[in-house]
Amino acid sequence: DCSVWNAKTEALIGDTDLKYILLT
């Protein structure tokens, strides 16, 4: 899930290699 896009979202993802946005 991805409620909003903001600095906190970016920090959550960090330096990982994001492959999927899994929506419930």
PDB file of all heavy atoms in Angstrom:
ATOM      1  N   ASP A   1       0.830  -1.203   0.000  1.00  0.00           N
ATOM      2  CA  ASP A   1       0.000   0.000   0.000  1.00  0.00           C
ATOM      3  C   ASP A   1       0.869   1.260   0.000  1.00  0.00           C
ATOM      4  O   ASP A   1       2.032   1.230   0.413  1.00  0.00           O
ATOM      5  CB  ASP A   1      -1.005   0.012   1.145  1.00  0.00           C
ATOM      6  CG  ASP A   1      -2.104  -1.036   0.967  1.00  0.00           C
ATOM      7  OD1 ASP A   1      -2.366  -1.418  -0.199  1.00  0.00           O
ATOM      8  OD2 ASP A   1      -2.692  -1.477   1.965  1.00  0.00           O
ATOM      9  N   CYS A   2       0.282   2.341  -0.504  1.00  0.00           N
ATOM     10  CA  CYS A   2       1.048   3.576  -0.676  1.00  0.00           C
ATOM     11  C   CYS A   2       0.085   4.759  -0.563  1.00  0.00           C
ATOM     12  O   CYS A   2      -0.465   5.215  -1.547  1.00  0.00           O
ATOM     13  CB  CYS A   2       1.753   3.571  -2.026  1.00  0.00           C
ATOM     14  SG  CYS A   2       2.850   4.980  -2.283  1.00  0.00           S
ATOM     15  N   SER A   3      -0.112   5.221   0.661  1.00  0.00           N
ATOM     16  CA  SER A   3      -1.148   6.212   0.940  1.00  0.00           C
ATOM     17  C   SER A   3      -0.849   7.584   0.348  1.00  0.00           C
ATOM     18  O   SER A   3      -1.726   8.254  -0.198  1.00  0.00           O
ATOM     19  CB  SER A   3      -1.331   6.347   2.456  1.00  0.00           C
ATOM     20  OG  SER A   3      -1.690   5.109   3.011  1.00  0.00           O
ATOM     21  N   VAL A   4       0.407   8.017   0.499  1.00  0.00           N
ATOM     22  CA  VAL A   4       0.815   9.344   0.011  1.00  0.00           C
ATOM     23  C   VAL A   4       2.258   9.257  -0.474  1.00  0.00           C
ATOM     24  O   VAL A   4       2.994   8.322  -0.150  1.00  0.00           O
ATOM     25  CB  VAL A   4       0.728  10.431   1.116  1.00  0.00           C
ATOM     26  CG1 VAL A   4      -0.710  10.641   1.555  1.00  0.00           C
ATOM     27  CG2 VAL A   4       1.613  10.060   2.300  1.00  0.00           C
ATOM     28  N   TRP A   5       2.648  10.269  -1.229  1.00  0.00           N
ATOM     29  CA  TRP A   5       4.055  10.426  -1.595  1.00  0.00           C
ATOM     30  C   TRP A   5       4.581  11.664  -0.878  1.00  0.00           C
ATOM     31  O   TRP A   5       4.118  12.773  -1.112  1.00  0.00           O
ATOM     32  CB  TRP A   5       4.234  10.579  -3.095  1.00  0.00           C
ATOM     33  CG  TRP A   5       5.626  11.034  -3.461  1.00  0.00           C
ATOM     34  CD1 TRP A   5       5.976  12.220  -4.022  1.00  0.00           C
ATOM     35  CD2 TRP A   5       6.850  10.311  -3.266  1.00  0.00           C
ATOM     36  NE1 TRP A   5       7.330  12.292  -4.191  1.00  0.00           N
ATOM     37  CE2 TRP A   5       7.898  11.129  -3.733  1.00  0.00           C
ATOM     38  CE3 TRP A   5       7.155   9.065  -2.725  1.00  0.00           C
ATOM     39  CZ2 TRP A   5       9.236  10.731  -3.686  1.00  0.00           C
ATOM     40  CZ3 TRP A   5       8.485   8.670  -2.689  1.00  0.00           C
ATOM     41  CH2 TRP A   5       9.494   9.484  -3.161  1.00  0.00           C
ATOM     42  N   ASN A   6       5.518  11.461   0.027  1.00  0.00           N
ATOM     43  CA  ASN A   6       6.160  12.582   0.718  1.00  0.00           C
ATOM     44  C   ASN A   6       7.541  12.131   1.190  1.00  0.00           C
ATOM     45  O   ASN A   6       7.999  11.026   0.859  1.00  0.00           O
ATOM     46  CB  ASN A   6       5.292  13.075   1.893  1.00  0.00           C
ATOM     47  CG  ASN A   6       4.983  11.994   2.918  1.00  0.00           C
ATOM     48  OD1 ASN A   6       5.686  10.993   3.022  1.00  0.00           O
ATOM     49  ND2 ASN A   6       3.915  12.191   3.688  1.00  0.00           N
ATOM     50  N   ALA A   7       8.209  12.989   1.930  1.00  0.00           N
ATOM     51  CA  ALA A   7       9.566  12.670   2.384  1.00  0.00           C
ATOM     52  C   ALA A   7       9.589  11.426   3.258  1.00  0.00           C
ATOM     53  O   ALA A   7      10.563  10.650   3.246  1.00  0.00           O
ATOM     54  CB  ALA A   7      10.154  13.863   3.140  1.00  0.00           C
ATOM     55  N   LYS A   8       8.524  11.217   4.013  1.00  0.00           N
ATOM     56  CA  LYS A   8       8.456  10.040   4.877  1.00  0.00           C
ATOM     57  C   LYS A   8       8.343   8.760   4.056  1.00  0.00           C
ATOM     58  O   LYS A   8       8.936   7.725   4.412  1.00  0.00           O
ATOM     59  CB  LYS A   8       7.279  10.178   5.841  1.00  0.00           C
ATOM     60  CG  LYS A   8       7.199   9.087   6.892  1.00  0.00           C
ATOM     61  CD  LYS A   8       6.062   9.368   7.875  1.00  0.00           C
ATOM     62  CE  LYS A   8       5.946   8.267   8.917  1.00  0.00           C
ATOM     63  NZ  LYS A   8       4.838   8.541   9.870  1.00  0.00           N
ATOM     64  N   THR A   9       7.598   8.817   2.959  1.00  0.00           N
ATOM     65  CA  THR A   9       7.507   7.665   2.063  1.00  0.00           C
ATOM     66  C   THR A   9       8.872   7.348   1.469  1.00  0.00           C
ATOM     67  O   THR A   9       9.300   6.195   1.412  1.00  0.00           O
ATOM     68  CB  THR A   9       6.506   7.942   0.933  1.00  0.00           C
ATOM     69  OG1 THR A   9       5.300   8.483   1.458  1.00  0.00           O
ATOM     70  CG2 THR A   9       6.205   6.659   0.161  1.00  0.00           C
ATOM     71  N   GLU A  10       9.555   8.392   1.024  1.00  0.00           N
ATOM     72  CA  GLU A  10      10.890   8.215   0.447  1.00  0.00           C
ATOM     73  C   GLU A  10      11.855   7.630   1.475  1.00  0.00           C
ATOM     74  O   GLU A  10      12.671   6.754   1.157  1.00  0.00           O
ATOM     75  CB  GLU A  10      11.407   9.552  -0.081  1.00  0.00           C
ATOM     76  CG  GLU A  10      12.690   9.448  -0.882  1.00  0.00           C
ATOM     77  CD  GLU A  10      13.032  10.739  -1.592  1.00  0.00           C
ATOM     78  OE1 GLU A  10      12.494  11.798  -1.201  1.00  0.00           O
ATOM     79  OE2 GLU A  10      13.844  10.682  -2.531  1.00  0.00           O
ATOM     80  N   ALA A  11      11.750   8.087   2.712  1.00  0.00           N
ATOM     81  CA  ALA A  11      12.623   7.570   3.767  1.00  0.00           C
ATOM     82  C   ALA A  11      12.307   6.105   4.071  1.00  0.00           C
ATOM     83  O   ALA A  11      13.208   5.316   4.389  1.00  0.00           O
ATOM     84  CB  ALA A  11      12.470   8.415   5.026  1.00  0.00           C
ATOM     85  N   LEU A  12      11.037   5.738   4.000  1.00  0.00           N
ATOM     86  CA  LEU A  12      10.652   4.350   4.245  1.00  0.00           C
ATOM     87  C   LEU A  12      11.286   3.426   3.205  1.00  0.00           C
ATOM     88  O   LEU A  12      11.807   2.360   3.542  1.00  0.00           O
ATOM     89  CB  LEU A  12       9.124   4.217   4.213  1.00  0.00           C
ATOM     90  CG  LEU A  12       8.543   2.821   4.479  1.00  0.00           C
ATOM     91  CD1 LEU A  12       8.811   2.403   5.923  1.00  0.00           C
ATOM     92  CD2 LEU A  12       7.048   2.797   4.195  1.00  0.00           C
ATOM     93  N   ILE A  13      11.269   3.853   1.957  1.00  0.00           N
ATOM     94  CA  ILE A  13      11.851   3.049   0.877  1.00  0.00           C
ATOM     95  C   ILE A  13      13.376   3.047   0.979  1.00  0.00           C
ATOM     96  O   ILE A  13      14.021   2.026   0.758  1.00  0.00           O
ATOM     97  CB  ILE A  13      11.393   3.580  -0.491  1.00  0.00           C
ATOM     98  CG1 ILE A  13       9.872   3.447  -0.622  1.00  0.00           C
ATOM     99  CG2 ILE A  13      12.108   2.858  -1.636  1.00  0.00           C
ATOM    100  CD1 ILE A  13       9.279   4.205  -1.793  1.00  0.00           C
ATOM    101  N   GLY A  14      13.936   4.189   1.335  1.00  0.00           N
ATOM    102  CA  GLY A  14      15.370   4.302   1.548  1.00  0.00           C
ATOM    103  C   GLY A  14      16.179   3.922   0.329  1.00  0.00           C
ATOM    104  O   GLY A  14      15.816   4.257  -0.809  1.00  0.00           O
ATOM    105  N   ASP A  15      17.275   3.184   0.552  1.00  0.00           N
ATOM    106  CA  ASP A  15      18.161   2.808  -0.545  1.00  0.00           C
ATOM    107  C   ASP A  15      17.881   1.400  -1.060  1.00  0.00           C
ATOM    108  O   ASP A  15      18.718   0.798  -1.733  1.00  0.00           O
ATOM    109  CB  ASP A  15      19.623   2.922  -0.120  1.00  0.00           C
ATOM    110  CG  ASP A  15      19.980   1.970   1.028  1.00  0.00           C
ATOM    111  OD1 ASP A  15      19.073   1.265   1.527  1.00  0.00           O
ATOM    112  OD2 ASP A  15      21.162   1.938   1.415  1.00  0.00           O
ATOM    113  N   THR A  16      16.692   0.878  -0.764  1.00  0.00           N
ATOM    114  CA  THR A  16      16.338  -0.453  -1.252  1.00  0.00           C
ATOM    115  C   THR A  16      15.975  -0.381  -2.736  1.00  0.00           C
ATOM    116  O   THR A  16      15.678   0.685  -3.273  1.00  0.00           O
ATOM    117  CB  THR A  16      15.163  -1.047  -0.463  1.00  0.00           C
ATOM    118  OG1 THR A  16      13.989  -0.237  -0.654  1.00  0.00           O
ATOM    119  CG2 THR A  16      15.496  -1.129   1.026  1.00  0.00           C
ATOM    120  N   ASP A  17      15.988  -1.530  -3.365  1.00  0.00           N
ATOM    121  CA  ASP A  17      15.656  -1.647  -4.788  1.00  0.00           C
ATOM    122  C   ASP A  17      14.172  -1.995  -4.903  1.00  0.00           C
ATOM    123  O   ASP A  17      13.793  -3.160  -4.890  1.00  0.00           O
ATOM    124  CB  ASP A  17      16.528  -2.724  -5.419  1.00  0.00           C
ATOM    125  CG  ASP A  17      16.298  -2.890  -6.916  1.00  0.00           C
ATOM    126  OD1 ASP A  17      15.621  -2.029  -7.509  1.00  0.00           O
ATOM    127  OD2 ASP A  17      16.801  -3.884  -7.479  1.00  0.00           O
ATOM    128  N   LEU A  18      13.334  -0.955  -5.002  1.00  0.00           N
ATOM    129  CA  LEU A  18      11.883  -1.159  -4.968  1.00  0.00           C
ATOM    130  C   LEU A  18      11.398  -1.788  -6.273  1.00  0.00           C
ATOM    131  O   LEU A  18      11.521  -1.204  -7.344  1.00  0.00           O
ATOM    132  CB  LEU A  18      11.164   0.172  -4.723  1.00  0.00           C
ATOM    133  CG  LEU A  18       9.659   0.050  -4.487  1.00  0.00           C
ATOM    134  CD1 LEU A  18       9.372  -0.609  -3.144  1.00  0.00           C
ATOM    135  CD2 LEU A  18       8.985   1.430  -4.544  1.00  0.00           C
ATOM    136  N   LYS A  19      10.813  -2.970  -6.154  1.00  0.00           N
ATOM    137  CA  LYS A  19      10.347  -3.710  -7.318  1.00  0.00           C
ATOM    138  C   LYS A  19       8.833  -3.653  -7.497  1.00  0.00           C
ATOM    139  O   LYS A  19       8.342  -3.673  -8.623  1.00  0.00           O
ATOM    140  CB  LYS A  19      10.774  -5.182  -7.208  1.00  0.00           C
ATOM    141  CG  LYS A  19      12.274  -5.403  -7.237  1.00  0.00           C
ATOM    142  CD  LYS A  19      12.863  -5.004  -8.582  1.00  0.00           C
ATOM    143  CE  LYS A  19      14.337  -5.372  -8.675  1.00  0.00           C
ATOM    144  NZ  LYS A  19      14.926  -4.950  -9.970  1.00  0.00           N
ATOM    145  N   TYR A  20       8.090  -3.611  -6.385  1.00  0.00           N
ATOM    146  CA  TYR A  20       6.640  -3.711  -6.469  1.00  0.00           C
ATOM    147  C   TYR A  20       5.955  -2.748  -5.510  1.00  0.00           C
ATOM    148  O   TYR A  20       6.490  -2.434  -4.441  1.00  0.00           O
ATOM    149  CB  TYR A  20       6.163  -5.130  -6.101  1.00  0.00           C
ATOM    150  CG  TYR A  20       6.718  -6.228  -6.954  1.00  0.00           C
ATOM    151  CD1 TYR A  20       7.730  -7.061  -6.472  1.00  0.00           C
ATOM    152  CD2 TYR A  20       6.227  -6.465  -8.231  1.00  0.00           C
ATOM    153  CE1 TYR A  20       8.241  -8.087  -7.241  1.00  0.00           C
ATOM    154  CE2 TYR A  20       6.732  -7.498  -9.012  1.00  0.00           C
ATOM    155  CZ  TYR A  20       7.738  -8.298  -8.514  1.00  0.00           C
ATOM    156  OH  TYR A  20       8.239  -9.317  -9.278  1.00  0.00           O
ATOM    157  N   ILE A  21       4.756  -2.316  -5.898  1.00  0.00           N
ATOM    158  CA  ILE A  21       3.798  -1.690  -4.993  1.00  0.00           C
ATOM    159  C   ILE A  21       2.627  -2.662  -4.909  1.00  0.00           C
ATOM    160  O   ILE A  21       1.848  -2.804  -5.860  1.00  0.00           O
ATOM    161  CB  ILE A  21       3.330  -0.317  -5.499  1.00  0.00           C
ATOM    162  CG1 ILE A  21       4.530   0.595  -5.773  1.00  0.00           C
ATOM    163  CG2 ILE A  21       2.387   0.335  -4.486  1.00  0.00           C
ATOM    164  CD1 ILE A  21       4.164   1.870  -6.519  1.00  0.00           C
ATOM    165  N   LEU A  22       2.534  -3.363  -3.800  1.00  0.00           N
ATOM    166  CA  LEU A  22       1.520  -4.394  -3.614  1.00  0.00           C
ATOM    167  C   LEU A  22       0.302  -3.781  -2.938  1.00  0.00           C
ATOM    168  O   LEU A  22       0.353  -3.432  -1.763  1.00  0.00           O
ATOM    169  CB  LEU A  22       2.077  -5.536  -2.756  1.00  0.00           C
ATOM    170  CG  LEU A  22       3.375  -6.189  -3.239  1.00  0.00           C
ATOM    171  CD1 LEU A  22       3.829  -7.240  -2.230  1.00  0.00           C
ATOM    172  CD2 LEU A  22       3.201  -6.803  -4.618  1.00  0.00           C
ATOM    173  N   LEU A  23      -0.777  -3.663  -3.670  1.00  0.00           N
ATOM    174  CA  LEU A  23      -1.977  -3.028  -3.129  1.00  0.00           C
ATOM    175  C   LEU A  23      -2.926  -4.080  -2.570  1.00  0.00           C
ATOM    176  O   LEU A  23      -3.244  -5.068  -3.233  1.00  0.00           O
ATOM    177  CB  LEU A  23      -2.667  -2.209  -4.221  1.00  0.00           C
ATOM    178  CG  LEU A  23      -1.802  -1.066  -4.781  1.00  0.00           C
ATOM    179  CD1 LEU A  23      -2.509  -0.384  -5.947  1.00  0.00           C
ATOM    180  CD2 LEU A  23      -1.459  -0.051  -3.696  1.00  0.00           C
ATOM    181  N   THR A  24      -3.369  -3.846  -1.343  1.00  0.00           N
ATOM    182  CA  THR A  24      -4.316  -4.768  -0.726  1.00  0.00           C
ATOM    183  C   THR A  24      -5.732  -4.555  -1.254  1.00  0.00           C
ATOM    184  O   THR A  24      -6.539  -5.479  -1.250  1.00  0.00           O
ATOM    185  CB  THR A  24      -4.331  -4.619   0.802  1.00  0.00           C
ATOM    186  OG1 THR A  24      -4.696  -3.270   1.148  1.00  0.00           O
ATOM    187  CG2 THR A  24      -2.956  -4.936   1.387  1.00  0.00           C
TER     188      THR A  24
END
